[in-house]
Amino acid sequence: MLTELTDMTATDVTLETFRDAMAQLGAAVHVITTDGPGGRAGFTASAVCSVTDTPPSVLVCINRTSSAYAAVNANGRVCINTLSADQHDVSVGFSKKGTMDDRFAHGTWIEQNGAPPRLADASASIDCRIVSRTSVGTHDILICEVGEIVSNAHPGVLIYYDRKYHRVMRG
């Protein structure tokens, strides 16, 4: 059944109206890490999602002005660390300006076999190899093939919605 909507107003798409609309899309919070010849780096991201299960692939969006951008490109590998509900401080630490050493001072990191750092006690850590990239506006969309997944039993995750952090608990 179709009905006429009379109480909705269409607006022009401006930077402000677009950002306001996107703030209404809640998303899990992740810290994306990399390590290798380009150096160790990381950044906070909410633009992460599955692409396909054959082969297991995800996408990650990164701003080309990010301080982690050059390292991510040079290394060709990332680890997507999905933050648990109690890891707000890690997200904030990786969102701030500062050195990469300052960022990695937040949380406990597991580094092994030259893989990107994995956050201890993350809800999930997904180690990936970047297989393609597409530039759109200010960002690159990285298509990443999943090589390893480490999951931890947590009662909840951290999400970003309406420009604020929220804890979402199971149950």
C-alpha atoms as a PDB file:
ATOM      1  CA  MET A   1       0.000   0.000   0.000  1.00  0.00           C
ATOM      2  CA  LEU A   2       1.342   3.416  -0.906  1.00  0.00           C
ATOM      3  CA  THR A   3       0.502   6.450   1.150  1.00  0.00           C
ATOM      4  CA  GLU A   4       1.336  10.070   0.670  1.00  0.00           C
ATOM      5  CA  LEU A   5       3.775  11.440   3.218  1.00  0.00           C
ATOM      6  CA  THR A   6       2.829  14.960   4.133  1.00  0.00           C
ATOM      7  CA  ASP A   7       4.966  15.527   7.223  1.00  0.00           C
ATOM      8  CA  MET A   8       8.373  14.945   5.610  1.00  0.00           C
ATOM      9  CA  THR A   9      10.458  17.654   4.019  1.00  0.00           C
ATOM     10  CA  ALA A  10      13.091  17.084   1.349  1.00  0.00           C
ATOM     11  CA  THR A  11      16.192  19.252   1.602  1.00  0.00           C
ATOM     12  CA  ASP A  12      19.072  19.997  -0.668  1.00  0.00           C
ATOM     13  CA  VAL A  13      22.090  17.789  -0.081  1.00  0.00           C
ATOM     14  CA  THR A  14      24.727  19.981   1.505  1.00  0.00           C
ATOM     15  CA  LEU A  15      27.786  18.943   3.469  1.00  0.00           C
ATOM     16  CA  GLU A  16      25.855  19.630   6.678  1.00  0.00           C
ATOM     17  CA  THR A  17      22.659  17.772   5.711  1.00  0.00           C
ATOM     18  CA  PHE A  18      24.686  14.810   4.445  1.00  0.00           C
ATOM     19  CA  ARG A  19      26.710  14.602   7.663  1.00  0.00           C
ATOM     20  CA  ASP A  20      23.552  14.940   9.753  1.00  0.00           C
ATOM     21  CA  ALA A  21      21.928  12.062   7.847  1.00  0.00           C
ATOM     22  CA  MET A  22      25.037   9.883   8.171  1.00  0.00           C
ATOM     23  CA  ALA A  23      25.108  10.526  11.935  1.00  0.00           C
ATOM     24  CA  GLN A  24      21.842   8.576  12.067  1.00  0.00           C
ATOM     25  CA  LEU A  25      23.540   5.433  10.733  1.00  0.00           C
ATOM     26  CA  GLY A  26      24.889   3.663  13.800  1.00  0.00           C
ATOM     27  CA  ALA A  27      28.037   1.632  13.194  1.00  0.00           C
ATOM     28  CA  ALA A  28      30.481  -0.508  15.126  1.00  0.00           C
ATOM     29  CA  VAL A  29      33.748   1.242  16.017  1.00  0.00           C
ATOM     30  CA  HIS A  30      37.003  -0.290  14.811  1.00  0.00           C
ATOM     31  CA  VAL A  31      40.699   0.489  15.098  1.00  0.00           C
ATOM     32  CA  ILE A  32      42.422  -0.388  11.840  1.00  0.00           C
ATOM     33  CA  THR A  33      46.117  -1.228  12.227  1.00  0.00           C
ATOM     34  CA  THR A  34      48.981  -1.977   9.864  1.00  0.00           C
ATOM     35  CA  ASP A  35      52.667  -2.817  10.094  1.00  0.00           C
ATOM     36  CA  GLY A  36      55.430  -3.628   7.667  1.00  0.00           C
ATOM     37  CA  PRO A  37      57.899  -1.780   5.425  1.00  0.00           C
ATOM     38  CA  GLY A  38      55.719   1.364   5.570  1.00  0.00           C
ATOM     39  CA  GLY A  39      55.778   1.399   9.378  1.00  0.00           C
ATOM     40  CA  ARG A  40      53.284   0.740  12.142  1.00  0.00           C
ATOM     41  CA  ALA A  41      50.139   2.865  12.027  1.00  0.00           C
ATOM     42  CA  GLY A  42      46.483   2.878  12.968  1.00  0.00           C
ATOM     43  CA  PHE A  43      43.256   4.864  12.802  1.00  0.00           C
ATOM     44  CA  THR A  44      39.683   4.716  14.080  1.00  0.00           C
ATOM     45  CA  ALA A  45      36.993   3.816  11.539  1.00  0.00           C
ATOM     46  CA  SER A  46      33.296   3.107  11.427  1.00  0.00           C
ATOM     47  CA  ALA A  47      33.123   2.682   7.628  1.00  0.00           C
ATOM     48  CA  VAL A  48      33.776  -1.074   7.633  1.00  0.00           C
ATOM     49  CA  CYS A  49      31.491  -3.823   6.332  1.00  0.00           C
ATOM     50  CA  SER A  50      31.428  -7.259   4.774  1.00  0.00           C
ATOM     51  CA  VAL A  51      31.564  -7.549   0.996  1.00  0.00           C
ATOM     52  CA  THR A  52      31.254 -11.275   0.286  1.00  0.00           C
ATOM     53  CA  ASP A  53      31.853 -14.612   1.956  1.00  0.00           C
ATOM     54  CA  THR A  54      33.395 -16.212  -1.155  1.00  0.00           C
ATOM     55  CA  PRO A  55      36.195 -15.295  -0.792  1.00  0.00           C
ATOM     56  CA  PRO A  56      35.737 -13.799   2.695  1.00  0.00           C
ATOM     57  CA  SER A  57      36.186 -10.064   2.086  1.00  0.00           C
ATOM     58  CA  VAL A  58      35.486  -6.783   3.822  1.00  0.00           C
ATOM     59  CA  LEU A  59      35.785  -3.147   2.919  1.00  0.00           C
ATOM     60  CA  VAL A  60      37.434  -0.361   4.888  1.00  0.00           C
ATOM     61  CA  CYS A  61      37.276   3.330   4.019  1.00  0.00           C
ATOM     62  CA  ILE A  62      40.291   5.538   4.741  1.00  0.00           C
ATOM     63  CA  ASN A  63      40.677   9.278   4.235  1.00  0.00           C
ATOM     64  CA  ARG A  64      43.645  10.046   1.983  1.00  0.00           C
ATOM     65  CA  THR A  65      44.720  12.782   4.436  1.00  0.00           C
ATOM     66  CA  SER A  66      44.927  10.252   7.299  1.00  0.00           C
ATOM     67  CA  SER A  67      48.321  10.029   8.992  1.00  0.00           C
ATOM     68  CA  ALA A  68      48.033   6.241   8.558  1.00  0.00           C
ATOM     69  CA  TYR A  69      47.357   6.393   4.805  1.00  0.00           C
ATOM     70  CA  ALA A  70      50.925   6.037   3.517  1.00  0.00           C
ATOM     71  CA  ALA A  71      51.697   3.123   5.847  1.00  0.00           C
ATOM     72  CA  VAL A  72      48.475   1.306   4.935  1.00  0.00           C
ATOM     73  CA  ASN A  73      49.286   1.662   1.231  1.00  0.00           C
ATOM     74  CA  ALA A  74      52.919   0.596   1.609  1.00  0.00           C
ATOM     75  CA  ASN A  75      52.147  -2.408   3.811  1.00  0.00           C
ATOM     76  CA  GLY A  76      49.159  -3.782   1.920  1.00  0.00           C
ATOM     77  CA  ARG A  77      47.789  -5.452   5.063  1.00  0.00           C
ATOM     78  CA  VAL A  78      45.461  -4.332   7.839  1.00  0.00           C
ATOM     79  CA  CYS A  79      43.884  -5.731  10.966  1.00  0.00           C
ATOM     80  CA  ILE A  80      40.332  -4.636  11.707  1.00  0.00           C
ATOM     81  CA  ASN A  81      39.951  -4.567  15.502  1.00  0.00           C
ATOM     82  CA  THR A  82      36.267  -4.298  16.441  1.00  0.00           C
ATOM     83  CA  LEU A  83      36.109  -2.549  19.796  1.00  0.00           C
ATOM     84  CA  SER A  84      34.318  -4.081  22.739  1.00  0.00           C
ATOM     85  CA  ALA A  85      31.910  -1.966  24.762  1.00  0.00           C
ATOM     86  CA  ASP A  86      34.597  -1.016  27.297  1.00  0.00           C
ATOM     87  CA  GLN A  87      37.259   0.152  24.794  1.00  0.00           C
ATOM     88  CA  HIS A  88      36.090   3.746  24.325  1.00  0.00           C
ATOM     89  CA  ASP A  89      39.532   5.056  25.365  1.00  0.00           C
ATOM     90  CA  VAL A  90      41.214   3.113  22.548  1.00  0.00           C
ATOM     91  CA  SER A  91      38.904   4.686  19.970  1.00  0.00           C
ATOM     92  CA  VAL A  92      39.530   8.184  21.308  1.00  0.00           C
ATOM     93  CA  GLY A  93      43.295   7.573  21.435  1.00  0.00           C
ATOM     94  CA  PHE A  94      43.397   6.539  17.773  1.00  0.00           C
ATOM     95  CA  SER A  95      41.159   9.451  16.725  1.00  0.00           C
ATOM     96  CA  LYS A  96      43.427  12.162  18.121  1.00  0.00           C
ATOM     97  CA  LYS A  97      46.316  13.865  16.399  1.00  0.00           C
ATOM     98  CA  GLY A  98      49.690  12.715  17.648  1.00  0.00           C
ATOM     99  CA  THR A  99      52.360  10.179  16.961  1.00  0.00           C
ATOM    100  CA  MET A 100      51.642   6.546  16.217  1.00  0.00           C
ATOM    101  CA  ASP A 101      53.471   5.663  19.435  1.00  0.00           C
ATOM    102  CA  ASP A 102      50.955   7.849  21.300  1.00  0.00           C
ATOM    103  CA  ARG A 103      48.082   5.987  19.640  1.00  0.00           C
ATOM    104  CA  PHE A 104      49.458   2.530  20.395  1.00  0.00           C
ATOM    105  CA  ALA A 105      49.887   3.539  24.063  1.00  0.00           C
ATOM    106  CA  HIS A 106      46.104   2.960  24.297  1.00  0.00           C
ATOM    107  CA  GLY A 107      45.167  -0.686  24.724  1.00  0.00           C
ATOM    108  CA  THR A 108      47.260  -3.845  24.829  1.00  0.00           C
ATOM    109  CA  TRP A 109      48.647  -4.912  21.461  1.00  0.00           C
ATOM    110  CA  ILE A 110      49.692  -8.333  20.230  1.00  0.00           C
ATOM    111  CA  GLU A 111      52.353  -8.288  17.548  1.00  0.00           C
ATOM    112  CA  GLN A 112      53.501 -11.518  15.892  1.00  0.00           C
ATOM    113  CA  ASN A 113      54.947 -12.820  12.648  1.00  0.00           C
ATOM    114  CA  GLY A 114      55.049  -9.393  10.998  1.00  0.00           C
ATOM    115  CA  ALA A 115      51.237  -9.218  10.990  1.00  0.00           C
ATOM    116  CA  PRO A 116      49.434  -5.960  11.750  1.00  0.00           C
ATOM    117  CA  PRO A 117      49.009  -5.390  15.503  1.00  0.00           C
ATOM    118  CA  ARG A 118      45.976  -7.097  17.016  1.00  0.00           C
ATOM    119  CA  LEU A 119      44.165  -5.486  19.951  1.00  0.00           C
ATOM    120  CA  ALA A 120      43.939  -7.813  22.944  1.00  0.00           C
ATOM    121  CA  ASP A 121      40.337  -8.129  24.125  1.00  0.00           C
ATOM    122  CA  ALA A 122      38.839  -6.674  20.954  1.00  0.00           C
ATOM    123  CA  SER A 123      35.464  -8.206  20.151  1.00  0.00           C
ATOM    124  CA  ALA A 124      37.042  -9.441  16.932  1.00  0.00           C
ATOM    125  CA  SER A 125      40.309  -8.936  15.098  1.00  0.00           C
ATOM    126  CA  ILE A 126      40.276  -9.583  11.363  1.00  0.00           C
ATOM    127  CA  ASP A 127      43.641  -9.815   9.605  1.00  0.00           C
ATOM    128  CA  CYS A 128      43.384  -8.904   5.918  1.00  0.00           C
ATOM    129  CA  ARG A 129      45.343  -8.396   2.746  1.00  0.00           C
ATOM    130  CA  ILE A 130      44.305  -5.408   0.607  1.00  0.00           C
ATOM    131  CA  VAL A 131      43.389  -6.761  -2.839  1.00  0.00           C
ATOM    132  CA  SER A 132      41.968  -3.629  -4.490  1.00  0.00           C
ATOM    133  CA  ARG A 133      41.223   0.015  -3.876  1.00  0.00           C
ATOM    134  CA  THR A 134      38.940   2.627  -5.372  1.00  0.00           C
ATOM    135  CA  SER A 135      39.185   6.369  -4.828  1.00  0.00           C
ATOM    136  CA  VAL A 136      35.938   8.237  -4.189  1.00  0.00           C
ATOM    137  CA  GLY A 137      36.077  11.902  -3.198  1.00  0.00           C
ATOM    138  CA  THR A 138      38.356  12.295  -0.168  1.00  0.00           C
ATOM    139  CA  HIS A 139      38.573   8.568   0.647  1.00  0.00           C
ATOM    140  CA  ASP A 140      39.844   5.263  -0.675  1.00  0.00           C
ATOM    141  CA  ILE A 141      37.668   2.176  -0.392  1.00  0.00           C
ATOM    142  CA  LEU A 142      39.930  -0.767   0.397  1.00  0.00           C
ATOM    143  CA  ILE A 143      38.705  -4.237  -0.493  1.00  0.00           C
ATOM    144  CA  CYS A 144      40.426  -6.649   1.867  1.00  0.00           C
ATOM    145  CA  GLU A 145      40.578 -10.435   1.685  1.00  0.00           C
ATOM    146  CA  VAL A 146      40.317 -11.998   5.142  1.00  0.00           C
ATOM    147  CA  GLY A 147      43.182 -14.266   6.198  1.00  0.00           C
ATOM    148  CA  GLU A 148      42.500 -14.791   9.905  1.00  0.00           C
ATOM    149  CA  ILE A 149      39.798 -13.991  12.449  1.00  0.00           C
ATOM    150  CA  VAL A 150      40.279 -13.947  16.214  1.00  0.00           C
ATOM    151  CA  SER A 151      37.067 -13.573  18.233  1.00  0.00           C
ATOM    152  CA  ASN A 152      36.700 -12.938  21.945  1.00  0.00           C
ATOM    153  CA  ALA A 153      33.591 -13.497  24.028  1.00  0.00           C
ATOM    154  CA  HIS A 154      32.362 -10.035  25.015  1.00  0.00           C
ATOM    155  CA  PRO A 155      28.937  -9.038  26.239  1.00  0.00           C
ATOM    156  CA  GLY A 156      28.849  -5.984  23.963  1.00  0.00           C
ATOM    157  CA  VAL A 157      30.415  -3.720  21.367  1.00  0.00           C
ATOM    158  CA  LEU A 158      31.076  -0.011  21.000  1.00  0.00           C
ATOM    159  CA  ILE A 159      29.063   1.813  18.364  1.00  0.00           C
ATOM    160  CA  TYR A 160      29.056   5.384  17.091  1.00  0.00           C
ATOM    161  CA  TYR A 161      25.608   6.910  16.592  1.00  0.00           C
ATOM    162  CA  ASP A 162      24.358  10.505  16.554  1.00  0.00           C
ATOM    163  CA  ARG A 163      27.965  11.739  16.977  1.00  0.00           C
ATOM    164  CA  LYS A 164      28.345   9.906  20.306  1.00  0.00           C
ATOM    165  CA  TYR A 165      29.716   6.594  21.524  1.00  0.00           C
ATOM    166  CA  HIS A 166      27.239   4.027  22.833  1.00  0.00           C
ATOM    167  CA  ARG A 167      27.653   0.615  24.401  1.00  0.00           C
ATOM    168  CA  VAL A 168      25.451  -2.079  22.910  1.00  0.00           C
ATOM    169  CA  MET A 169      25.129  -5.109  25.147  1.00  0.00           C
ATOM    170  CA  ARG A 170      23.873  -8.572  24.263  1.00  0.00           C
ATOM    171  CA  GLY A 171      20.752  -9.804  25.863  1.00  0.00           C
END
